PDB file of N, CA and C in Angstrom:
ATOM      1  N   MET A   1    -198.874 -77.379 193.101  1.00  0.00           N
ATOM      2  CA  MET A   1    -198.481 -76.433 191.785  1.00  0.00           C
ATOM      3  C   MET A   1    -197.488 -77.160 191.350  1.00  0.00           C
ATOM      4  N   ILE A   2    -196.197 -77.946 191.732  1.00  0.00           N
ATOM      5  CA  ILE A   2    -195.339 -78.770 191.043  1.00  0.00           C
ATOM      6  C   ILE A   2    -196.135 -79.632 190.292  1.00  0.00           C
ATOM      7  N   LYS A   3    -196.968 -80.289 190.737  1.00  0.00           N
ATOM      8  CA  LYS A   3    -197.919 -81.154 189.936  1.00  0.00           C
ATOM      9  C   LYS A   3    -198.669 -80.867 188.749  1.00  0.00           C
ATOM     10  N   ALA A   4    -199.166 -79.373 189.170  1.00  0.00           N
ATOM     11  CA  ALA A   4    -199.399 -78.662 187.955  1.00  0.00           C
ATOM     12  C   ALA A   4    -198.462 -78.893 186.654  1.00  0.00           C
ATOM     13  N   ASN A   5    -197.323 -78.048 187.095  1.00  0.00           N
ATOM     14  CA  ASN A   5    -196.091 -77.809 186.280  1.00  0.00           C
ATOM     15  C   ASN A   5    -195.447 -79.162 185.460  1.00  0.00           C
ATOM     16  N   GLY A   6    -195.605 -79.879 186.037  1.00  0.00           N
ATOM     17  CA  GLY A   6    -195.257 -81.433 185.669  1.00  0.00           C
ATOM     18  C   GLY A   6    -196.364 -81.725 184.612  1.00  0.00           C
ATOM     19  N   MET A   7    -197.503 -81.701 184.668  1.00  0.00           N
ATOM     20  CA  MET A   7    -198.358 -82.317 183.833  1.00  0.00           C
ATOM     21  C   MET A   7    -198.484 -81.419 182.580  1.00  0.00           C
ATOM     22  N   ALA A   8    -197.874 -80.203 182.556  1.00  0.00           N
ATOM     23  CA  ALA A   8    -198.057 -78.807 181.847  1.00  0.00           C
ATOM     24  C   ALA A   8    -196.608 -79.106 180.851  1.00  0.00           C
ATOM     25  N   ILE A   9    -195.500 -79.550 181.521  1.00  0.00           N
ATOM     26  CA  ILE A   9    -194.369 -80.092 180.499  1.00  0.00           C
ATOM     27  C   ILE A   9    -194.577 -81.483 180.024  1.00  0.00           C
ATOM     28  N   ALA A  10    -195.322 -82.427 180.496  1.00  0.00           N
ATOM     29  CA  ALA A  10    -195.356 -83.895 179.812  1.00  0.00           C
ATOM     30  C   ALA A  10    -195.834 -83.625 178.285  1.00  0.00           C
ATOM     31  N   PRO A  11    -196.896 -82.696 178.275  1.00  0.00           N
ATOM     32  CA  PRO A  11    -197.176 -82.815 176.595  1.00  0.00           C
ATOM     33  C   PRO A  11    -196.391 -82.002 175.552  1.00  0.00           C
ATOM     34  N   ALA A  12    -195.450 -81.278 176.405  1.00  0.00           N
ATOM     35  CA  ALA A  12    -194.634 -80.501 175.410  1.00  0.00           C
ATOM     36  C   ALA A  12    -193.312 -81.383 175.178  1.00  0.00           C
ATOM     37  N   VAL A  13    -193.212 -82.661 175.871  1.00  0.00           N
ATOM     38  CA  VAL A  13    -192.126 -83.444 175.442  1.00  0.00           C
ATOM     39  C   VAL A  13    -192.814 -84.161 174.541  1.00  0.00           C
ATOM     40  N   THR A  14    -193.855 -84.558 174.544  1.00  0.00           N
ATOM     41  CA  THR A  14    -194.545 -85.818 173.586  1.00  0.00           C
ATOM     42  C   THR A  14    -194.240 -84.940 172.190  1.00  0.00           C
ATOM     43  N   ARG A  15    -194.655 -83.713 172.115  1.00  0.00           N
ATOM     44  CA  ARG A  15    -194.828 -83.094 170.692  1.00  0.00           C
ATOM     45  C   ARG A  15    -193.716 -82.814 170.413  1.00  0.00           C
ATOM     46  N   ASN A  16    -192.373 -83.107 171.188  1.00  0.00           N
ATOM     47  CA  ASN A  16    -191.111 -82.568 170.642  1.00  0.00           C
ATOM     48  C   ASN A  16    -190.563 -83.477 169.522  1.00  0.00           C
ATOM     49  N   PRO A  17    -190.520 -82.772 168.074  1.00  0.00           N
ATOM     50  CA  PRO A  17    -190.508 -84.032 166.864  1.00  0.00           C
ATOM     51  C   PRO A  17    -188.801 -84.429 167.107  1.00  0.00           C
ATOM     52  N   GLN A  18    -188.079 -83.835 167.275  1.00  0.00           N
ATOM     53  CA  GLN A  18    -186.509 -84.069 167.802  1.00  0.00           C
ATOM     54  C   GLN A  18    -186.452 -85.396 168.637  1.00  0.00           C
ATOM     55  N   ALA A  19    -187.326 -85.500 169.411  1.00  0.00           N
ATOM     56  CA  ALA A  19    -187.214 -86.894 170.635  1.00  0.00           C
ATOM     57  C   ALA A  19    -187.387 -87.994 169.830  1.00  0.00           C
ATOM     58  N   LYS A  20    -186.746 -89.076 170.302  1.00  0.00           N
ATOM     59  CA  LYS A  20    -186.852 -90.501 169.692  1.00  0.00           C
ATOM     60  C   LYS A  20    -188.071 -91.202 170.117  1.00  0.00           C
ATOM     61  N   PRO A  21    -189.165 -91.702 169.563  1.00  0.00           N
ATOM     62  CA  PRO A  21    -189.863 -92.226 170.126  1.00  0.00           C
ATOM     63  C   PRO A  21    -189.891 -93.166 171.307  1.00  0.00           C
ATOM     64  N   SER A  22    -188.761 -93.555 171.126  1.00  0.00           N
ATOM     65  CA  SER A  22    -188.252 -94.417 172.578  1.00  0.00           C
ATOM     66  C   SER A  22    -187.953 -93.790 173.544  1.00  0.00           C
ATOM     67  N   SER A  23    -187.679 -92.787 173.395  1.00  0.00           N
ATOM     68  CA  SER A  23    -187.108 -91.781 174.568  1.00  0.00           C
ATOM     69  C   SER A  23    -187.699 -91.312 175.148  1.00  0.00           C
ATOM     70  N   VAL A  24    -189.250 -90.981 174.286  1.00  0.00           N
ATOM     71  CA  VAL A  24    -190.477 -89.901 175.021  1.00  0.00           C
ATOM     72  C   VAL A  24    -190.779 -90.483 176.330  1.00  0.00           C
ATOM     73  N   PRO A  25    -191.358 -92.024 176.495  1.00  0.00           N
ATOM     74  CA  PRO A  25    -191.976 -92.353 177.855  1.00  0.00           C
ATOM     75  C   PRO A  25    -190.932 -92.237 179.094  1.00  0.00           C
ATOM     76  N   ALA A  26    -189.317 -92.496 178.731  1.00  0.00           N
ATOM     77  CA  ALA A  26    -188.009 -92.139 179.593  1.00  0.00           C
ATOM     78  C   ALA A  26    -188.421 -90.846 180.115  1.00  0.00           C
ATOM     79  N   ARG A  27    -188.312 -89.904 179.155  1.00  0.00           N
ATOM     80  CA  ARG A  27    -188.220 -88.638 179.538  1.00  0.00           C
ATOM     81  C   ARG A  27    -189.699 -88.175 180.425  1.00  0.00           C
ATOM     82  N   ILE A  28    -190.895 -88.680 180.169  1.00  0.00           N
ATOM     83  CA  ILE A  28    -191.878 -88.160 180.597  1.00  0.00           C
ATOM     84  C   ILE A  28    -191.736 -88.846 182.159  1.00  0.00           C
ATOM     85  N   TYR A  29    -191.399 -90.283 182.175  1.00  0.00           N
ATOM     86  CA  TYR A  29    -191.171 -90.793 183.753  1.00  0.00           C
ATOM     87  C   TYR A  29    -190.125 -90.265 184.397  1.00  0.00           C
ATOM     88  N   PHE A  30    -189.032 -89.745 183.910  1.00  0.00           N
ATOM     89  CA  PHE A  30    -188.134 -89.096 184.540  1.00  0.00           C
ATOM     90  C   PHE A  30    -188.901 -87.594 184.973  1.00  0.00           C
ATOM     91  N   LEU A  31    -189.545 -86.577 184.215  1.00  0.00           N
ATOM     92  CA  LEU A  31    -190.019 -85.596 185.020  1.00  0.00           C
ATOM     93  C   LEU A  31    -191.204 -85.691 185.856  1.00  0.00           C
ATOM     94  N   TRP A  32    -191.834 -87.028 185.730  1.00  0.00           N
ATOM     95  CA  TRP A  32    -192.645 -87.200 187.133  1.00  0.00           C
ATOM     96  C   TRP A  32    -192.179 -87.502 188.063  1.00  0.00           C
ATOM     97  N   VAL A  33    -191.230 -88.531 188.040  1.00  0.00           N
ATOM     98  CA  VAL A  33    -190.382 -88.819 189.284  1.00  0.00           C
ATOM     99  C   VAL A  33    -190.097 -87.696 190.251  1.00  0.00           C
ATOM    100  N   MET A  34    -189.661 -86.573 188.737  1.00  0.00           N
ATOM    101  CA  MET A  34    -188.538 -85.543 189.754  1.00  0.00           C
ATOM    102  C   MET A  34    -189.813 -84.747 190.642  1.00  0.00           C
ATOM    103  N   ALA A  35    -190.935 -84.526 189.919  1.00  0.00           N
ATOM    104  CA  ALA A  35    -191.904 -83.732 190.301  1.00  0.00           C
ATOM    105  C   ALA A  35    -192.408 -84.334 191.664  1.00  0.00           C
ATOM    106  N   TYR A  36    -192.801 -85.475 191.677  1.00  0.00           N
ATOM    107  CA  TYR A  36    -193.199 -86.971 192.771  1.00  0.00           C
ATOM    108  C   TYR A  36    -192.303 -86.533 194.163  1.00  0.00           C
ATOM    109  N   ARG A  37    -191.005 -86.544 194.008  1.00  0.00           N
ATOM    110  CA  ARG A  37    -189.982 -86.192 194.584  1.00  0.00           C
ATOM    111  C   ARG A  37    -189.915 -84.873 195.441  1.00  0.00           C
ATOM    112  N   LEU A  38    -190.202 -84.036 194.624  1.00  0.00           N
ATOM    113  CA  LEU A  38    -190.133 -82.297 194.911  1.00  0.00           C
ATOM    114  C   LEU A  38    -191.294 -82.254 195.729  1.00  0.00           C
ATOM    115  N   LYS A  39    -192.650 -82.588 195.310  1.00  0.00           N
ATOM    116  CA  LYS A  39    -193.954 -83.060 196.069  1.00  0.00           C
ATOM    117  C   LYS A  39    -193.915 -83.337 197.467  1.00  0.00           C
ATOM    118  N   SER A  40    -193.291 -84.788 197.355  1.00  0.00           N
ATOM    119  CA  SER A  40    -192.840 -85.700 198.571  1.00  0.00           C
ATOM    120  C   SER A  40    -192.141 -84.742 199.787  1.00  0.00           C
ATOM    121  N   VAL A  41    -191.006 -83.876 199.239  1.00  0.00           N
ATOM    122  CA  VAL A  41    -190.014 -83.415 199.826  1.00  0.00           C
ATOM    123  C   VAL A  41    -190.896 -82.208 200.674  1.00  0.00           C
ATOM    124  N   SER A  42    -191.200 -81.339 199.657  1.00  0.00           N
ATOM    125  CA  SER A  42    -192.210 -80.127 200.206  1.00  0.00           C
ATOM    126  C   SER A  42    -193.148 -80.508 201.203  1.00  0.00           C
ATOM    127  N   ASP A  43    -194.016 -81.978 201.087  1.00  0.00           N
ATOM    128  CA  ASP A  43    -195.123 -82.222 201.709  1.00  0.00           C
ATOM    129  C   ASP A  43    -194.515 -82.302 203.175  1.00  0.00           C
ATOM    130  N   ASN A  44    -193.103 -83.036 203.674  1.00  0.00           N
ATOM    131  CA  ASN A  44    -192.595 -83.427 204.634  1.00  0.00           C
ATOM    132  C   ASN A  44    -192.013 -82.107 204.976  1.00  0.00           C
ATOM    133  N   ALA A  45    -191.825 -81.222 204.551  1.00  0.00           N
ATOM    134  CA  ALA A  45    -191.045 -79.555 205.082  1.00  0.00           C
ATOM    135  C   ALA A  45    -191.943 -79.119 205.601  1.00  0.00           C
ATOM    136  N   GLN A  46    -193.591 -78.958 205.133  1.00  0.00           N
ATOM    137  CA  GLN A  46    -194.297 -78.575 205.709  1.00  0.00           C
ATOM    138  C   GLN A  46    -195.010 -79.245 207.105  1.00  0.00           C
ATOM    139  N   VAL A  47    -195.048 -80.456 206.931  1.00  0.00           N
ATOM    140  CA  VAL A  47    -194.930 -81.189 208.618  1.00  0.00           C
ATOM    141  C   VAL A  47    -194.057 -80.993 209.461  1.00  0.00           C
TER     142      VAL A  47
END
């Protein structure tokens, strides 16, 4: 579910007209890393 939210947020960031082109990939990468960390933590908690 966290992964789905991350995928939904990424397109919204790319459509942000105020974001500089060079900062868009950095934001997407940051959101992806945070989502991946949250997913790994939740998976470890379930185990």
